[in-house]
PDB file of N, CA and C in Angstrom:
ATOM      1  N   MET A   1     -75.691  54.202  28.780  1.00  0.00           N
ATOM      2  CA  MET A   1     -74.475  54.672  27.905  1.00  0.00           C
ATOM      3  C   MET A   1     -74.268  53.084  27.177  1.00  0.00           C
ATOM      4  N   LYS A   2     -73.914  53.456  25.496  1.00  0.00           N
ATOM      5  CA  LYS A   2     -74.147  52.713  24.605  1.00  0.00           C
ATOM      6  C   LYS A   2     -72.515  52.456  24.315  1.00  0.00           C
ATOM      7  N   ALA A   3     -72.473  51.213  24.447  1.00  0.00           N
ATOM      8  CA  ALA A   3     -70.527  50.992  23.795  1.00  0.00           C
ATOM      9  C   ALA A   3     -70.706  51.045  22.278  1.00  0.00           C
ATOM     10  N   ARG A   4     -69.730  51.521  21.927  1.00  0.00           N
ATOM     11  CA  ARG A   4     -69.253  51.568  20.593  1.00  0.00           C
ATOM     12  C   ARG A   4     -68.270  50.919  20.210  1.00  0.00           C
ATOM     13  N   MET A   5     -68.386  50.279  18.913  1.00  0.00           N
ATOM     14  CA  MET A   5     -67.267  49.203  17.977  1.00  0.00           C
ATOM     15  C   MET A   5     -66.233  50.231  17.465  1.00  0.00           C
ATOM     16  N   PRO A   6     -65.332  50.311  17.359  1.00  0.00           N
ATOM     17  CA  PRO A   6     -64.034  50.712  16.832  1.00  0.00           C
ATOM     18  C   PRO A   6     -64.554  50.963  15.356  1.00  0.00           C
ATOM     19  N   GLY A   7     -63.752  51.371  14.393  1.00  0.00           N
ATOM     20  CA  GLY A   7     -63.834  51.751  12.936  1.00  0.00           C
ATOM     21  C   GLY A   7     -63.773  50.749  12.249  1.00  0.00           C
ATOM     22  N   GLY A   8     -64.484  49.904  11.695  1.00  0.00           N
ATOM     23  CA  GLY A   8     -64.072  48.988  10.545  1.00  0.00           C
ATOM     24  C   GLY A   8     -64.945  47.553  11.136  1.00  0.00           C
ATOM     25  N   TYR A   9     -65.776  47.541  12.275  1.00  0.00           N
ATOM     26  CA  TYR A   9     -66.416  46.251  12.754  1.00  0.00           C
ATOM     27  C   TYR A   9     -67.906  46.772  12.044  1.00  0.00           C
ATOM     28  N   GLY A  10     -68.385  45.737  12.267  1.00  0.00           N
ATOM     29  CA  GLY A  10     -69.951  46.037  12.143  1.00  0.00           C
ATOM     30  C   GLY A  10     -70.377  45.566  10.927  1.00  0.00           C
ATOM     31  N   ARG A  11     -71.108  46.551   9.760  1.00  0.00           N
ATOM     32  CA  ARG A  11     -71.319  46.492   8.921  1.00  0.00           C
ATOM     33  C   ARG A  11     -69.937  46.584   7.730  1.00  0.00           C
ATOM     34  N   PRO A  12     -70.184  45.278   6.889  1.00  0.00           N
ATOM     35  CA  PRO A  12     -69.174  45.145   6.073  1.00  0.00           C
ATOM     36  C   PRO A  12     -69.020  46.225   4.952  1.00  0.00           C
ATOM     37  N   ASP A  13     -68.232  46.985   4.779  1.00  0.00           N
ATOM     38  CA  ASP A  13     -67.954  47.655   3.297  1.00  0.00           C
ATOM     39  C   ASP A  13     -68.440  46.898   2.150  1.00  0.00           C
ATOM     40  N   MET A  14     -69.817  47.443   1.545  1.00  0.00           N
ATOM     41  CA  MET A  14     -70.228  46.583   0.078  1.00  0.00           C
ATOM     42  C   MET A  14     -69.743  47.220  -0.726  1.00  0.00           C
ATOM     43  N   ASN A  15     -69.225  48.153  -0.958  1.00  0.00           N
ATOM     44  CA  ASN A  15     -68.681  48.925  -2.040  1.00  0.00           C
ATOM     45  C   ASN A  15     -67.136  47.870  -2.209  1.00  0.00           C
ATOM     46  N   SER A  16     -66.299  47.835  -1.058  1.00  0.00           N
ATOM     47  CA  SER A  16     -65.133  46.975  -1.020  1.00  0.00           C
ATOM     48  C   SER A  16     -65.577  45.676  -1.663  1.00  0.00           C
ATOM     49  N   LEU A  17     -66.679  45.036  -1.015  1.00  0.00           N
ATOM     50  CA  LEU A  17     -66.702  43.739  -1.460  1.00  0.00           C
ATOM     51  C   LEU A  17     -67.028  43.793  -3.118  1.00  0.00           C
ATOM     52  N   MET A  18     -67.758  44.334  -3.382  1.00  0.00           N
ATOM     53  CA  MET A  18     -68.120  44.476  -4.991  1.00  0.00           C
ATOM     54  C   MET A  18     -67.132  44.958  -5.395  1.00  0.00           C
ATOM     55  N   ARG A  19     -66.459  45.753  -5.277  1.00  0.00           N
ATOM     56  CA  ARG A  19     -64.924  45.619  -6.265  1.00  0.00           C
ATOM     57  C   ARG A  19     -63.931  43.999  -6.245  1.00  0.00           C
ATOM     58  N   GLN A  20     -63.956  43.751  -4.774  1.00  0.00           N
ATOM     59  CA  GLN A  20     -63.289  42.596  -4.784  1.00  0.00           C
ATOM     60  C   GLN A  20     -64.188  41.445  -5.490  1.00  0.00           C
ATOM     61  N   ALA A  21     -65.107  41.301  -5.532  1.00  0.00           N
ATOM     62  CA  ALA A  21     -65.926  40.427  -6.390  1.00  0.00           C
ATOM     63  C   ALA A  21     -65.775  40.825  -7.780  1.00  0.00           C
ATOM     64  N   GLN A  22     -65.820  41.922  -8.632  1.00  0.00           N
ATOM     65  CA  GLN A  22     -65.519  42.277  -9.640  1.00  0.00           C
ATOM     66  C   GLN A  22     -64.285  42.243 -10.501  1.00  0.00           C
ATOM     67  N   LYS A  23     -63.382  42.014  -9.607  1.00  0.00           N
ATOM     68  CA  LYS A  23     -62.067  41.609  -9.570  1.00  0.00           C
ATOM     69  C   LYS A  23     -61.577  40.251  -9.718  1.00  0.00           C
ATOM     70  N   MET A  24     -62.523  39.742  -8.995  1.00  0.00           N
ATOM     71  CA  MET A  24     -62.075  37.974  -8.869  1.00  0.00           C
ATOM     72  C   MET A  24     -62.725  37.550 -10.326  1.00  0.00           C
ATOM     73  N   GLN A  25     -63.778  38.076 -10.476  1.00  0.00           N
ATOM     74  CA  GLN A  25     -64.662  37.814 -11.898  1.00  0.00           C
ATOM     75  C   GLN A  25     -63.598  38.013 -12.853  1.00  0.00           C
ATOM     76  N   SER A  26     -63.062  39.360 -13.011  1.00  0.00           N
ATOM     77  CA  SER A  26     -62.241  39.735 -14.293  1.00  0.00           C
ATOM     78  C   SER A  26     -60.880  38.437 -14.435  1.00  0.00           C
ATOM     79  N   ASP A  27     -60.595  38.126 -13.138  1.00  0.00           N
ATOM     80  CA  ASP A  27     -59.228  37.200 -12.791  1.00  0.00           C
ATOM     81  C   ASP A  27     -59.677  36.190 -14.041  1.00  0.00           C
ATOM     82  N   MET A  28     -60.969  35.971 -13.178  1.00  0.00           N
ATOM     83  CA  MET A  28     -61.277  34.246 -13.650  1.00  0.00           C
ATOM     84  C   MET A  28     -61.487  34.478 -15.038  1.00  0.00           C
ATOM     85  N   GLN A  29     -61.961  35.157 -15.593  1.00  0.00           N
ATOM     86  CA  GLN A  29     -62.594  35.370 -17.362  1.00  0.00           C
ATOM     87  C   GLN A  29     -61.393  35.379 -18.117  1.00  0.00           C
ATOM     88  N   ALA A  30     -60.388  36.391 -17.198  1.00  0.00           N
ATOM     89  CA  ALA A  30     -58.956  36.039 -17.667  1.00  0.00           C
ATOM     90  C   ALA A  30     -58.271  34.751 -18.000  1.00  0.00           C
ATOM     91  N   LYS A  31     -58.271  34.054 -16.528  1.00  0.00           N
ATOM     92  CA  LYS A  31     -57.741  32.758 -16.624  1.00  0.00           C
ATOM     93  C   LYS A  31     -58.271  31.791 -17.467  1.00  0.00           C
ATOM     94  N   GLN A  32     -59.656  31.922 -17.414  1.00  0.00           N
ATOM     95  CA  GLN A  32     -60.353  30.994 -18.591  1.00  0.00           C
ATOM     96  C   GLN A  32     -60.369  31.148 -19.963  1.00  0.00           C
ATOM     97  N   ALA A  33     -59.638  32.152 -20.360  1.00  0.00           N
ATOM     98  CA  ALA A  33     -59.283  32.890 -21.685  1.00  0.00           C
ATOM     99  C   ALA A  33     -57.806  32.053 -22.045  1.00  0.00           C
ATOM    100  N   GLU A  34     -57.009  32.117 -20.756  1.00  0.00           N
ATOM    101  CA  GLU A  34     -55.721  31.724 -21.234  1.00  0.00           C
ATOM    102  C   GLU A  34     -55.046  29.848 -21.007  1.00  0.00           C
ATOM    103  N   LEU A  35     -56.705  29.334 -19.659  1.00  0.00           N
ATOM    104  CA  LEU A  35     -56.876  28.120 -20.341  1.00  0.00           C
ATOM    105  C   LEU A  35     -57.245  27.232 -21.567  1.00  0.00           C
ATOM    106  N   GLU A  36     -58.256  28.345 -21.982  1.00  0.00           N
ATOM    107  CA  GLU A  36     -58.765  27.888 -23.434  1.00  0.00           C
ATOM    108  C   GLU A  36     -57.672  27.415 -24.508  1.00  0.00           C
ATOM    109  N   GLN A  37     -56.449  28.731 -24.552  1.00  0.00           N
ATOM    110  CA  GLN A  37     -55.583  28.581 -25.333  1.00  0.00           C
ATOM    111  C   GLN A  37     -54.732  27.463 -25.659  1.00  0.00           C
ATOM    112  N   THR A  38     -54.486  26.987 -24.213  1.00  0.00           N
ATOM    113  CA  THR A  38     -53.198  26.018 -23.862  1.00  0.00           C
ATOM    114  C   THR A  38     -53.825  24.567 -24.079  1.00  0.00           C
ATOM    115  N   GLU A  39     -52.579  24.138 -24.606  1.00  0.00           N
ATOM    116  CA  GLU A  39     -52.516  22.942 -25.526  1.00  0.00           C
ATOM    117  C   GLU A  39     -52.249  21.916 -24.448  1.00  0.00           C
ATOM    118  N   TYR A  40     -52.898  20.553 -24.096  1.00  0.00           N
ATOM    119  CA  TYR A  40     -52.264  19.503 -23.560  1.00  0.00           C
ATOM    120  C   TYR A  40     -51.980  18.252 -24.278  1.00  0.00           C
ATOM    121  N   THR A  41     -51.623  17.326 -23.902  1.00  0.00           N
ATOM    122  CA  THR A  41     -51.039  16.121 -24.646  1.00  0.00           C
ATOM    123  C   THR A  41     -51.288  15.348 -23.496  1.00  0.00           C
ATOM    124  N   ALA A  42     -52.152  14.113 -24.130  1.00  0.00           N
ATOM    125  CA  ALA A  42     -52.020  13.064 -23.277  1.00  0.00           C
ATOM    126  C   ALA A  42     -52.251  11.638 -24.151  1.00  0.00           C
ATOM    127  N   SER A  43     -51.769  10.282 -23.244  1.00  0.00           N
ATOM    128  CA  SER A  43     -51.904   9.378 -24.329  1.00  0.00           C
ATOM    129  C   SER A  43     -52.278   7.778 -23.986  1.00  0.00           C
ATOM    130  N   ALA A  44     -52.445   7.103 -24.544  1.00  0.00           N
ATOM    131  CA  ALA A  44     -53.140   5.883 -23.895  1.00  0.00           C
ATOM    132  C   ALA A  44     -52.104   5.209 -23.475  1.00  0.00           C
ATOM    133  N   PRO A  45     -52.319   4.491 -22.334  1.00  0.00           N
ATOM    134  CA  PRO A  45     -51.008   3.358 -22.169  1.00  0.00           C
ATOM    135  C   PRO A  45     -50.203   3.000 -23.113  1.00  0.00           C
ATOM    136  N   GLY A  46     -49.001   2.727 -22.690  1.00  0.00           N
ATOM    137  CA  GLY A  46     -48.445   2.415 -23.738  1.00  0.00           C
ATOM    138  C   GLY A  46     -47.729   3.539 -25.043  1.00  0.00           C
ATOM    139  N   GLU A  47     -48.617   4.266 -24.630  1.00  0.00           N
ATOM    140  CA  GLU A  47     -47.910   5.670 -25.524  1.00  0.00           C
ATOM    141  C   GLU A  47     -48.279   5.054 -27.218  1.00  0.00           C
ATOM    142  N   MET A  48     -48.935   4.501 -27.890  1.00  0.00           N
ATOM    143  CA  MET A  48     -49.251   3.999 -29.059  1.00  0.00           C
ATOM    144  C   MET A  48     -50.325   5.289 -29.742  1.00  0.00           C
ATOM    145  N   VAL A  49     -51.061   6.021 -29.033  1.00  0.00           N
ATOM    146  CA  VAL A  49     -51.913   6.982 -29.281  1.00  0.00           C
ATOM    147  C   VAL A  49     -51.826   8.211 -28.318  1.00  0.00           C
ATOM    148  N   THR A  50     -51.402   8.814 -29.108  1.00  0.00           N
ATOM    149  CA  THR A  50     -51.265  10.401 -28.385  1.00  0.00           C
ATOM    150  C   THR A  50     -52.315  11.523 -28.910  1.00  0.00           C
ATOM    151  N   VAL A  51     -53.191  12.391 -28.211  1.00  0.00           N
ATOM    152  CA  VAL A  51     -54.065  13.206 -28.158  1.00  0.00           C
ATOM    153  C   VAL A  51     -53.398  14.409 -27.713  1.00  0.00           C
ATOM    154  N   LYS A  52     -53.593  15.128 -28.808  1.00  0.00           N
ATOM    155  CA  LYS A  52     -53.616  16.589 -28.142  1.00  0.00           C
ATOM    156  C   LYS A  52     -54.792  17.908 -28.518  1.00  0.00           C
ATOM    157  N   MET A  53     -55.271  18.484 -27.179  1.00  0.00           N
ATOM    158  CA  MET A  53     -56.257  18.885 -27.078  1.00  0.00           C
ATOM    159  C   MET A  53     -55.759  20.574 -26.283  1.00  0.00           C
ATOM    160  N   ASN A  54     -57.120  20.973 -26.841  1.00  0.00           N
ATOM    161  CA  ASN A  54     -56.774  22.633 -26.115  1.00  0.00           C
ATOM    162  C   ASN A  54     -57.627  22.685 -25.023  1.00  0.00           C
ATOM    163  N   GLY A  55     -57.808  23.796 -24.337  1.00  0.00           N
ATOM    164  CA  GLY A  55     -58.909  23.979 -22.599  1.00  0.00           C
ATOM    165  C   GLY A  55     -60.016  24.068 -22.867  1.00  0.00           C
ATOM    166  N   LYS A  56     -60.689  24.233 -24.284  1.00  0.00           N
ATOM    167  CA  LYS A  56     -61.855  24.094 -24.992  1.00  0.00           C
ATOM    168  C   LYS A  56     -62.138  22.773 -25.354  1.00  0.00           C
ATOM    169  N   HIS A  57     -61.719  21.673 -24.860  1.00  0.00           N
ATOM    170  CA  HIS A  57     -61.756  20.084 -25.199  1.00  0.00           C
ATOM    171  C   HIS A  57     -62.086  19.630 -26.769  1.00  0.00           C
ATOM    172  N   GLU A  58     -61.009  20.715 -27.521  1.00  0.00           N
ATOM    173  CA  GLU A  58     -61.200  20.517 -29.147  1.00  0.00           C
ATOM    174  C   GLU A  58     -60.278  19.709 -29.105  1.00  0.00           C
ATOM    175  N   VAL A  59     -60.630  18.489 -29.933  1.00  0.00           N
ATOM    176  CA  VAL A  59     -58.784  17.542 -30.378  1.00  0.00           C
ATOM    177  C   VAL A  59     -58.301  18.311 -31.329  1.00  0.00           C
ATOM    178  N   LEU A  60     -56.773  18.682 -31.106  1.00  0.00           N
ATOM    179  CA  LEU A  60     -55.895  19.233 -32.091  1.00  0.00           C
ATOM    180  C   LEU A  60     -55.374  18.170 -33.180  1.00  0.00           C
ATOM    181  N   GLU A  61     -55.003  17.187 -32.308  1.00  0.00           N
ATOM    182  CA  GLU A  61     -53.997  16.521 -33.428  1.00  0.00           C
ATOM    183  C   GLU A  61     -54.315  14.712 -32.634  1.00  0.00           C
ATOM    184  N   VAL A  62     -54.139  14.045 -33.579  1.00  0.00           N
ATOM    185  CA  VAL A  62     -54.173  12.702 -32.719  1.00  0.00           C
ATOM    186  C   VAL A  62     -53.284  11.835 -33.612  1.00  0.00           C
ATOM    187  N   ALA A  63     -52.046  11.281 -32.848  1.00  0.00           N
ATOM    188  CA  ALA A  63     -50.958  10.682 -33.242  1.00  0.00           C
ATOM    189  C   ALA A  63     -51.170   9.063 -33.031  1.00  0.00           C
ATOM    190  N   ILE A  64     -50.794   7.890 -34.086  1.00  0.00           N
ATOM    191  CA  ILE A  64     -50.707   7.168 -33.646  1.00  0.00           C
ATOM    192  C   ILE A  64     -49.978   6.219 -34.511  1.00  0.00           C
ATOM    193  N   LYS A  65     -49.100   5.257 -33.549  1.00  0.00           N
ATOM    194  CA  LYS A  65     -48.262   4.777 -34.212  1.00  0.00           C
ATOM    195  C   LYS A  65     -48.341   3.408 -35.034  1.00  0.00           C
ATOM    196  N   PRO A  66     -47.381   3.053 -35.660  1.00  0.00           N
ATOM    197  CA  PRO A  66     -48.123   2.220 -36.855  1.00  0.00           C
ATOM    198  C   PRO A  66     -48.342   0.856 -36.557  1.00  0.00           C
ATOM    199  N   GLU A  67     -47.403   0.691 -34.859  1.00  0.00           N
ATOM    200  CA  GLU A  67     -47.919  -0.615 -34.351  1.00  0.00           C
ATOM    201  C   GLU A  67     -48.938  -0.943 -33.814  1.00  0.00           C
ATOM    202  N   ALA A  68     -49.558  -0.015 -33.914  1.00  0.00           N
ATOM    203  CA  ALA A  68     -51.443  -0.010 -32.997  1.00  0.00           C
ATOM    204  C   ALA A  68     -52.332  -0.391 -33.988  1.00  0.00           C
ATOM    205  N   VAL A  69     -52.148  -0.138 -35.170  1.00  0.00           N
ATOM    206  CA  VAL A  69     -53.005  -0.438 -36.368  1.00  0.00           C
ATOM    207  C   VAL A  69     -52.883  -2.209 -36.839  1.00  0.00           C
ATOM    208  N   ASP A  70     -53.762  -2.928 -36.299  1.00  0.00           N
ATOM    209  CA  ASP A  70     -54.133  -3.771 -36.639  1.00  0.00           C
ATOM    210  C   ASP A  70     -55.500  -4.450 -37.590  1.00  0.00           C
ATOM    211  N   PRO A  71     -55.580  -4.771 -38.721  1.00  0.00           N
ATOM    212  CA  PRO A  71     -56.668  -4.537 -39.184  1.00  0.00           C
ATOM    213  C   PRO A  71     -57.208  -6.040 -38.504  1.00  0.00           C
ATOM    214  N   ASP A  72     -56.666  -6.915 -37.909  1.00  0.00           N
ATOM    215  CA  ASP A  72     -57.588  -7.578 -37.539  1.00  0.00           C
ATOM    216  C   ASP A  72     -58.296  -7.556 -35.788  1.00  0.00           C
ATOM    217  N   ASP A  73     -57.227  -6.280 -35.686  1.00  0.00           N
ATOM    218  CA  ASP A  73     -57.794  -5.969 -34.026  1.00  0.00           C
ATOM    219  C   ASP A  73     -58.288  -4.577 -33.958  1.00  0.00           C
ATOM    220  N   VAL A  74     -59.264  -4.195 -34.966  1.00  0.00           N
ATOM    221  CA  VAL A  74     -59.421  -2.765 -34.989  1.00  0.00           C
ATOM    222  C   VAL A  74     -60.290  -2.057 -33.460  1.00  0.00           C
ATOM    223  N   GLU A  75     -60.499  -3.020 -32.994  1.00  0.00           N
ATOM    224  CA  GLU A  75     -61.397  -2.703 -31.504  1.00  0.00           C
ATOM    225  C   GLU A  75     -60.131  -2.202 -30.165  1.00  0.00           C
ATOM    226  N   MET A  76     -59.117  -2.622 -30.441  1.00  0.00           N
ATOM    227  CA  MET A  76     -57.770  -2.643 -29.318  1.00  0.00           C
ATOM    228  C   MET A  76     -57.267  -0.862 -29.458  1.00  0.00           C
ATOM    229  N   LEU A  77     -57.444  -0.345 -31.287  1.00  0.00           N
ATOM    230  CA  LEU A  77     -57.203   0.891 -31.823  1.00  0.00           C
ATOM    231  C   LEU A  77     -57.968   1.590 -30.927  1.00  0.00           C
ATOM    232  N   GLN A  78     -59.929   1.308 -31.681  1.00  0.00           N
ATOM    233  CA  GLN A  78     -60.736   2.029 -31.113  1.00  0.00           C
ATOM    234  C   GLN A  78     -60.345   2.634 -29.148  1.00  0.00           C
ATOM    235  N   ASP A  79     -60.295   1.389 -28.671  1.00  0.00           N
ATOM    236  CA  ASP A  79     -59.613   1.648 -27.044  1.00  0.00           C
ATOM    237  C   ASP A  79     -58.677   2.470 -26.727  1.00  0.00           C
ATOM    238  N   LEU A  80     -57.637   2.433 -27.629  1.00  0.00           N
ATOM    239  CA  LEU A  80     -56.543   3.259 -27.408  1.00  0.00           C
ATOM    240  C   LEU A  80     -56.803   4.772 -27.546  1.00  0.00           C
ATOM    241  N   VAL A  81     -57.532   4.770 -28.580  1.00  0.00           N
ATOM    242  CA  VAL A  81     -58.006   6.391 -29.464  1.00  0.00           C
ATOM    243  C   VAL A  81     -59.018   6.719 -27.751  1.00  0.00           C
ATOM    244  N   ALA A  82     -59.806   5.981 -27.655  1.00  0.00           N
ATOM    245  CA  ALA A  82     -60.652   6.699 -26.652  1.00  0.00           C
ATOM    246  C   ALA A  82     -59.934   6.622 -24.977  1.00  0.00           C
ATOM    247  N   ALA A  83     -59.221   6.260 -24.820  1.00  0.00           N
ATOM    248  CA  ALA A  83     -58.038   6.172 -23.578  1.00  0.00           C
ATOM    249  C   ALA A  83     -57.356   7.573 -23.667  1.00  0.00           C
ATOM    250  N   ALA A  84     -56.824   8.399 -24.736  1.00  0.00           N
ATOM    251  CA  ALA A  84     -56.059   8.996 -24.744  1.00  0.00           C
ATOM    252  C   ALA A  84     -56.913  10.401 -25.202  1.00  0.00           C
ATOM    253  N   VAL A  85     -58.011  10.140 -25.465  1.00  0.00           N
ATOM    254  CA  VAL A  85     -58.798  11.313 -25.494  1.00  0.00           C
ATOM    255  C   VAL A  85     -59.315  11.660 -24.252  1.00  0.00           C
ATOM    256  N   ASN A  86     -59.635  10.491 -23.617  1.00  0.00           N
ATOM    257  CA  ASN A  86     -60.219  10.877 -21.987  1.00  0.00           C
ATOM    258  C   ASN A  86     -58.701  11.451 -21.159  1.00  0.00           C
ATOM    259  N   ALA A  87     -57.933  10.490 -21.250  1.00  0.00           N
ATOM    260  CA  ALA A  87     -56.946  10.956 -20.713  1.00  0.00           C
ATOM    261  C   ALA A  87     -56.662  12.809 -20.640  1.00  0.00           C
ATOM    262  N   ALA A  88     -56.980  12.880 -22.196  1.00  0.00           N
ATOM    263  CA  ALA A  88     -56.543  14.658 -22.538  1.00  0.00           C
ATOM    264  C   ALA A  88     -57.613  15.672 -21.651  1.00  0.00           C
ATOM    265  N   VAL A  89     -59.116  15.022 -21.895  1.00  0.00           N
ATOM    266  CA  VAL A  89     -59.891  15.507 -21.144  1.00  0.00           C
ATOM    267  C   VAL A  89     -59.837  15.909 -19.886  1.00  0.00           C
ATOM    268  N   GLN A  90     -59.116  14.492 -19.039  1.00  0.00           N
ATOM    269  CA  GLN A  90     -59.223  14.868 -18.084  1.00  0.00           C
ATOM    270  C   GLN A  90     -57.606  15.938 -17.057  1.00  0.00           C
ATOM    271  N   ALA A  91     -56.839  16.006 -18.648  1.00  0.00           N
ATOM    272  CA  ALA A  91     -55.815  16.734 -18.065  1.00  0.00           C
ATOM    273  C   ALA A  91     -55.867  18.026 -18.118  1.00  0.00           C
ATOM    274  N   VAL A  92     -57.003  18.213 -18.762  1.00  0.00           N
ATOM    275  CA  VAL A  92     -57.680  19.574 -19.360  1.00  0.00           C
ATOM    276  C   VAL A  92     -58.620  20.272 -18.047  1.00  0.00           C
ATOM    277  N   ASP A  93     -59.744  19.265 -17.562  1.00  0.00           N
ATOM    278  CA  ASP A  93     -60.295  19.599 -16.228  1.00  0.00           C
ATOM    279  C   ASP A  93     -59.381  19.823 -14.796  1.00  0.00           C
ATOM    280  N   GLN A  94     -58.401  19.027 -14.935  1.00  0.00           N
ATOM    281  CA  GLN A  94     -57.302  19.236 -13.758  1.00  0.00           C
ATOM    282  C   GLN A  94     -56.786  20.624 -13.767  1.00  0.00           C
ATOM    283  N   ALA A  95     -56.037  20.604 -14.657  1.00  0.00           N
ATOM    284  CA  ALA A  95     -55.626  21.951 -14.720  1.00  0.00           C
ATOM    285  C   ALA A  95     -56.823  23.033 -14.528  1.00  0.00           C
ATOM    286  N   ALA A  96     -57.691  23.299 -15.408  1.00  0.00           N
ATOM    287  CA  ALA A  96     -58.920  24.148 -15.172  1.00  0.00           C
ATOM    288  C   ALA A  96     -59.098  24.376 -13.950  1.00  0.00           C
ATOM    289  N   ALA A  97     -59.501  23.236 -12.918  1.00  0.00           N
ATOM    290  CA  ALA A  97     -59.577  22.725 -11.383  1.00  0.00           C
ATOM    291  C   ALA A  97     -58.514  23.616 -10.267  1.00  0.00           C
ATOM    292  N   ALA A  98     -57.632  23.543 -11.136  1.00  0.00           N
ATOM    293  CA  ALA A  98     -56.444  23.444 -10.250  1.00  0.00           C
ATOM    294  C   ALA A  98     -55.970  25.545 -10.088  1.00  0.00           C
ATOM    295  N   GLU A  99     -56.324  25.826 -11.484  1.00  0.00           N
ATOM    296  CA  GLU A  99     -55.852  27.292 -11.635  1.00  0.00           C
ATOM    297  C   GLU A  99     -57.018  28.257 -11.203  1.00  0.00           C
ATOM    298  N   MET A 100     -58.269  27.602 -11.240  1.00  0.00           N
ATOM    299  CA  MET A 100     -59.539  28.290 -10.756  1.00  0.00           C
ATOM    300  C   MET A 100     -59.243  27.803  -9.466  1.00  0.00           C
ATOM    301  N   GLY A 101     -58.933  27.212  -8.798  1.00  0.00           N
ATOM    302  CA  GLY A 101     -58.835  27.012  -6.928  1.00  0.00           C
ATOM    303  C   GLY A 101     -58.069  28.044  -6.639  1.00  0.00           C
ATOM    304  N   LYS A 102     -57.188  28.209  -7.301  1.00  0.00           N
ATOM    305  CA  LYS A 102     -55.794  29.224  -6.822  1.00  0.00           C
ATOM    306  C   LYS A 102     -56.859  30.803  -7.254  1.00  0.00           C
ATOM    307  N   LEU A 103     -57.739  30.833  -7.738  1.00  0.00           N
ATOM    308  CA  LEU A 103     -58.403  32.132  -7.681  1.00  0.00           C
ATOM    309  C   LEU A 103     -59.193  32.408  -6.711  1.00  0.00           C
ATOM    310  N   THR A 104     -59.900  31.507  -6.511  1.00  0.00           N
ATOM    311  CA  THR A 104     -61.508  31.219  -5.721  1.00  0.00           C
ATOM    312  C   THR A 104     -60.859  31.026  -4.153  1.00  0.00           C
ATOM    313  N   GLY A 105     -59.417  30.605  -4.412  1.00  0.00           N
ATOM    314  CA  GLY A 105     -59.475  30.289  -2.628  1.00  0.00           C
ATOM    315  C   GLY A 105     -59.809  28.850  -2.308  1.00  0.00           C
ATOM    316  N   GLY A 106     -60.408  27.963  -2.940  1.00  0.00           N
ATOM    317  CA  GLY A 106     -60.690  26.742  -3.258  1.00  0.00           C
ATOM    318  C   GLY A 106     -62.055  26.471  -2.548  1.00  0.00           C
ATOM    319  N   LEU A 107     -63.053  27.912  -3.031  1.00  0.00           N
ATOM    320  CA  LEU A 107     -64.045  27.843  -2.984  1.00  0.00           C
ATOM    321  C   LEU A 107     -65.069  26.959  -4.107  1.00  0.00           C
ATOM    322  N   ASN A 108     -65.776  26.660  -3.878  1.00  0.00           N
ATOM    323  CA  ASN A 108     -66.756  26.126  -5.022  1.00  0.00           C
ATOM    324  C   ASN A 108     -67.683  26.950  -5.072  1.00  0.00           C
ATOM    325  N   ILE A 109     -67.463  27.447  -6.269  1.00  0.00           N
ATOM    326  CA  ILE A 109     -68.635  28.744  -7.212  1.00  0.00           C
ATOM    327  C   ILE A 109     -69.279  28.072  -8.005  1.00  0.00           C
ATOM    328  N   PRO A 110     -70.611  27.816  -7.533  1.00  0.00           N
ATOM    329  CA  PRO A 110     -71.763  26.791  -8.821  1.00  0.00           C
ATOM    330  C   PRO A 110     -71.207  27.853 -10.249  1.00  0.00           C
ATOM    331  N   GLY A 111     -71.331  27.116 -11.268  1.00  0.00           N
ATOM    332  CA  GLY A 111     -71.122  27.748 -12.348  1.00  0.00           C
ATOM    333  C   GLY A 111     -70.081  27.954 -13.075  1.00  0.00           C
ATOM    334  N   LEU A 112     -69.077  27.670 -12.289  1.00  0.00           N
ATOM    335  CA  LEU A 112     -67.751  27.485 -13.053  1.00  0.00           C
ATOM    336  C   LEU A 112     -67.252  26.088 -13.883  1.00  0.00           C
ATOM    337  N   GLY A 113     -68.053  24.728 -13.614  1.00  0.00           N
ATOM    338  CA  GLY A 113     -67.964  23.739 -14.381  1.00  0.00           C
ATOM    339  C   GLY A 113     -66.622  23.344 -13.904  1.00  0.00           C
ATOM    340  N   LEU A 114     -66.477  23.434 -12.590  1.00  0.00           N
ATOM    341  CA  LEU A 114     -65.303  22.436 -12.247  1.00  0.00           C
ATOM    342  C   LEU A 114     -65.351  21.571 -11.047  1.00  0.00           C
TER     343      LEU A 114
END
């Protein structure tokens, strides 16, 4: 006599898995588009330089306080701009990772760039 498994056990429903994967892909594409339109603002330490960037890592605006401009110390201003840009990039990347992580349930899916 053969033992039979109750319905729903054994082989997974491939159609259901495909629908779930397609929905996740669609949700991720929509979230990516939303993240690309979002603007992020970050500052260098002391808020002497502030950078506004979108989710595509495009710099939209750089604001520099007049007291940050010292003709005798251009390197300091360069460092402040670099720090502000790096902080903005980090803010974009962290937001993208957090939002995509919500959709994927924390799975590390190759190709997402997270």
